[in-house]
Protein backbone atom coordinates (compact mmCIF):
# COMPACT_ATOMS: atom_id res chain seq x y z
CA MET A 1 18.35 6.31 13.64
CA TYR A 2 15.97 4.21 11.69
CA ASN A 3 17.33 0.77 10.79
CA ILE A 4 14.14 -1.00 9.74
CA ILE A 5 12.11 0.59 6.94
CA PHE A 6 8.50 -0.62 6.33
CA PHE A 7 7.07 0.29 2.85
CA ASP A 8 3.61 0.38 1.48
CA LEU A 9 3.26 -0.81 -2.08
CA ASP A 10 0.51 0.82 -4.12
CA GLY A 11 1.29 4.55 -4.54
CA THR A 12 4.55 4.24 -2.74
CA LEU A 13 6.73 1.80 -4.80
CA THR A 14 4.50 1.35 -7.87
CA ASP A 15 1.75 3.28 -9.62
CA PRO A 16 -1.17 0.93 -9.84
CA GLY A 17 -3.69 3.46 -10.88
CA VAL A 18 -4.73 1.80 -14.20
CA GLY A 19 -5.02 -1.64 -12.86
CA ILE A 20 -6.87 -0.91 -9.78
CA THR A 21 -9.39 1.40 -11.33
CA ASN A 22 -10.03 -1.03 -14.17
CA SER A 23 -10.56 -3.78 -11.60
CA VAL A 24 -12.98 -1.63 -9.57
CA ALA A 25 -14.88 -0.52 -12.69
CA TYR A 26 -15.16 -4.29 -13.70
CA ALA A 27 -16.53 -5.10 -10.19
CA LEU A 28 -19.04 -2.16 -10.24
CA LYS A 29 -20.34 -3.07 -13.71
CA LYS A 30 -21.70 -6.34 -12.11
CA TRP A 31 -24.20 -4.01 -10.29
CA GLY A 32 -24.88 -1.99 -13.53
CA ILE A 33 -22.71 0.95 -12.25
CA GLU A 34 -20.74 2.65 -14.97
CA VAL A 35 -17.96 5.00 -14.05
CA GLU A 36 -16.98 7.48 -16.76
CA ASP A 37 -14.22 9.41 -14.90
CA ARG A 38 -11.73 6.81 -13.69
CA THR A 39 -10.06 9.38 -11.29
CA ALA A 40 -13.26 9.10 -9.28
CA LEU A 41 -12.01 5.62 -8.36
CA TYR A 42 -8.61 6.81 -7.07
CA PRO A 43 -9.81 6.69 -3.37
CA PHE A 44 -9.87 2.88 -3.74
CA ILE A 45 -6.07 2.94 -4.11
CA GLY A 46 -4.60 2.12 -0.58
CA PRO A 47 -7.49 1.38 1.75
CA PRO A 48 -8.93 -2.18 2.11
CA LEU A 49 -11.34 -2.74 -0.94
CA SER A 50 -14.24 -3.99 1.08
CA ASP A 51 -14.22 -0.91 3.13
CA SER A 52 -14.15 1.23 0.10
CA PHE A 53 -17.02 -0.48 -1.62
CA GLN A 54 -19.11 0.21 1.46
CA ARG A 55 -17.88 3.76 1.93
CA TYR A 56 -18.13 5.02 -1.52
CA TYR A 57 -21.05 2.98 -3.09
CA GLY A 58 -22.99 2.11 0.01
CA PHE A 59 -22.61 -1.71 -0.47
CA SER A 60 -23.55 -3.96 2.37
CA LYS A 61 -20.75 -6.08 3.92
CA GLU A 62 -21.95 -9.03 2.03
CA ASP A 63 -22.06 -7.26 -1.43
CA SER A 64 -18.68 -5.65 -0.65
CA LEU A 65 -17.05 -8.93 -0.15
CA ARG A 66 -18.68 -10.21 -3.47
CA ALA A 67 -17.45 -7.10 -5.14
CA VAL A 68 -13.80 -7.86 -4.01
CA GLU A 69 -14.16 -11.26 -5.52
CA TYR A 70 -15.30 -9.79 -8.88
CA TYR A 71 -12.31 -7.23 -8.59
CA ARG A 72 -10.02 -10.03 -8.24
CA GLU A 73 -11.34 -11.78 -11.39
CA TYR A 74 -10.04 -8.92 -13.40
CA PHE A 75 -7.01 -8.04 -11.18
CA ARG A 76 -5.37 -11.51 -11.22
CA ASP A 77 -5.30 -11.80 -14.92
CA ARG A 78 -4.93 -8.23 -16.27
CA GLY A 79 -5.03 -5.53 -13.53
CA LEU A 80 -1.94 -6.92 -11.75
CA TYR A 81 0.26 -5.88 -14.74
CA GLU A 82 -1.50 -2.56 -15.53
CA ASN A 83 1.05 -0.97 -13.20
CA GLU A 84 4.51 0.57 -13.29
CA ALA A 85 7.38 1.14 -10.83
CA TYR A 86 7.96 4.72 -9.86
CA GLU A 87 11.08 6.32 -11.34
CA GLY A 88 13.93 6.08 -8.84
CA VAL A 89 12.41 3.39 -6.71
CA GLU A 90 15.12 0.73 -7.35
CA GLU A 91 17.81 3.20 -6.85
CA MET A 92 16.30 4.20 -3.50
CA LEU A 93 15.90 0.62 -2.27
CA SER A 94 19.44 -0.19 -3.35
CA ALA A 95 20.85 2.80 -1.38
CA LEU A 96 19.10 1.59 1.69
CA LYS A 97 20.41 -1.85 1.37
CA ALA A 98 23.91 -0.49 0.85
CA ALA A 99 23.51 1.37 4.09
CA GLY A 100 22.62 -1.78 5.95
CA LYS A 101 18.91 -1.09 6.40
CA LYS A 102 16.37 -3.91 6.77
CA ILE A 103 13.56 -3.44 4.33
CA VAL A 104 10.06 -4.73 4.93
CA LEU A 105 6.88 -4.61 2.84
CA ALA A 106 3.70 -3.76 4.67
CA THR A 107 0.76 -3.60 2.30
CA SER A 108 -3.04 -3.93 2.39
CA LYS A 109 -3.03 -5.71 -0.86
CA PRO A 110 -3.30 -9.55 -0.59
CA GLU A 111 0.18 -11.12 -0.22
CA HIS A 112 -0.24 -13.43 -3.26
CA PHE A 113 -0.71 -10.37 -5.51
CA ALA A 114 1.83 -8.09 -3.83
CA PHE A 115 4.59 -10.84 -4.04
CA GLN A 116 3.79 -11.18 -7.80
CA ILE A 117 4.10 -7.46 -8.44
CA LEU A 118 7.42 -7.15 -6.64
CA GLU A 119 8.78 -10.13 -8.62
CA HIS A 120 7.37 -8.58 -11.94
CA PHE A 121 9.32 -5.42 -11.27
CA HIS A 122 12.41 -7.26 -10.01
CA LEU A 123 12.12 -5.65 -6.64
CA ASP A 124 11.48 -8.54 -4.36
CA GLY A 125 15.20 -9.19 -3.71
CA TYR A 126 15.49 -5.94 -1.81
CA PHE A 127 12.92 -7.01 0.90
CA ASP A 128 14.01 -8.83 4.05
CA PHE A 129 10.39 -9.57 4.99
CA LYS A 130 7.06 -9.12 3.07
CA ALA A 131 3.73 -8.80 4.81
CA GLY A 132 0.34 -8.18 3.10
CA ALA A 133 -3.39 -8.72 3.65
CA SER A 134 -4.86 -12.24 3.85
CA MET A 135 -7.16 -13.30 1.14
CA ASP A 136 -9.92 -14.05 3.63
CA GLU A 137 -10.04 -10.41 4.75
CA SER A 138 -9.18 -11.35 8.30
CA ARG A 139 -5.98 -9.17 8.04
CA ASN A 140 -6.65 -6.30 5.71
CA LYS A 141 -6.25 -3.09 7.58
CA LYS A 142 -2.84 -1.39 7.54
CA GLY A 143 -2.40 -1.39 11.32
CA GLN A 144 -3.00 -5.15 11.33
CA VAL A 145 -0.43 -5.84 8.65
CA ILE A 146 2.25 -3.65 10.48
CA ALA A 147 1.48 -5.46 13.72
CA TYR A 148 1.91 -8.80 11.96
CA ALA A 149 5.13 -7.81 10.46
CA LEU A 150 6.52 -6.54 13.74
CA GLU A 151 5.50 -9.70 15.51
CA SER A 152 6.91 -11.94 12.79
CA LEU A 153 10.26 -10.13 12.95
CA GLY A 154 10.29 -10.08 16.79
CA ILE A 155 10.78 -6.31 16.81
CA THR A 156 10.53 -4.80 20.24
CA ASP A 157 12.47 -1.51 19.78
CA LYS A 158 10.00 0.41 17.61
CA SER A 159 12.20 3.57 17.73
CA GLN A 160 14.29 2.13 14.95
CA VAL A 161 11.36 1.43 12.62
CA LEU A 162 9.87 3.81 10.05
CA MET A 163 6.81 3.33 7.95
CA VAL A 164 6.69 4.93 4.38
CA GLY A 165 3.36 5.27 2.58
CA ASP A 166 1.20 7.62 0.57
CA ARG A 167 -2.19 7.55 2.28
CA GLU A 168 -3.55 8.26 5.72
CA HIS A 169 -4.02 4.53 6.46
CA ASP A 170 -0.26 4.13 6.33
CA VAL A 171 0.31 6.97 8.74
CA LEU A 172 -2.50 5.91 11.13
CA GLY A 173 -1.45 2.31 11.00
CA ALA A 174 2.06 3.43 11.93
CA ARG A 175 0.74 5.51 14.83
CA GLU A 176 -1.45 2.60 15.99
CA ASN A 177 1.75 0.59 16.34
CA GLY A 178 3.88 3.28 17.80
CA LEU A 179 5.95 3.94 14.73
CA ASP A 180 7.15 7.14 13.08
CA SER A 181 6.14 7.53 9.39
CA ILE A 182 6.98 9.19 6.23
CA GLY A 183 4.08 10.44 3.88
CA VAL A 184 5.06 10.59 0.23
CA LEU A 185 3.38 13.10 -2.06
CA PHE A 186 4.03 11.40 -5.43
CA GLY A 187 1.31 8.72 -4.64
CA TYR A 188 -2.43 9.11 -4.14
CA GLY A 189 -2.62 11.10 -0.83
CA SER A 190 -2.41 14.79 -0.49
CA ARG A 191 -0.23 16.78 2.00
CA GLU A 192 -3.32 17.81 3.84
CA GLU A 193 -4.40 14.18 4.21
CA LEU A 194 -0.92 13.07 5.43
CA GLU A 195 -0.35 15.90 7.79
CA THR A 196 -3.86 15.57 9.30
CA ALA A 197 -3.19 11.92 10.03
CA GLY A 198 0.02 12.83 11.68
CA ALA A 199 2.87 11.95 9.46
CA THR A 200 6.23 12.41 11.12
CA TYR A 201 7.81 13.57 7.86
CA ILE A 202 6.52 14.48 4.35
CA ALA A 203 8.50 13.40 1.29
CA GLU A 204 8.06 15.01 -2.10
CA THR A 205 10.45 12.75 -3.99
CA MET A 206 12.23 9.36 -3.61
CA SER A 207 15.43 11.14 -2.67
CA ASP A 208 13.57 12.85 0.18
CA ILE A 209 12.89 9.39 1.68
CA LEU A 210 16.74 8.79 1.76
CA LYS A 211 17.25 12.18 3.43
CA TYR A 212 14.96 11.63 6.37
CA ILE A 213 16.43 8.05 6.90
């Protein structure tokens, strides 16, 4: 039985597509790069931003960190709110709380922004602990965030912990820490991506999450 549920944020609890792609486009424009099709920027949703600027646009580590700063210029004022909670998310979290589950946020988004988003959508009250990335990029990979949450909560029995997320990074981060995982299909990862990464379960809907827990 899973008693402690870790949740990713972007693509799992909320749909941040507009805000993230607008913020990435704003940053890329600083290098004169124009992106016509915003869906081409969807791969930025989930992984650490600095890694994505290097992977998809060939930025050096130095330029990728500068790009993250430009991204945040737009995101902190506008992109943060170009976002919406998925239908049924509050009901799902409420059901878990009613069943006595401990709910934990584990996101690669900087904590400062992640906490603001949860408060904006009135979801913060469901969480027993919230863990995110650090602004200095020293803790930005999903495996590091999960490890930080496990350590902070003093969790030693990992068999009772389940990670829920929409991208391979959530699944791989869970495996890295010895956790089972649910890959959700209503976010930004495909079934193939999640199954290849080794997701324990695949959920097509919010209610499927409850079924597995």
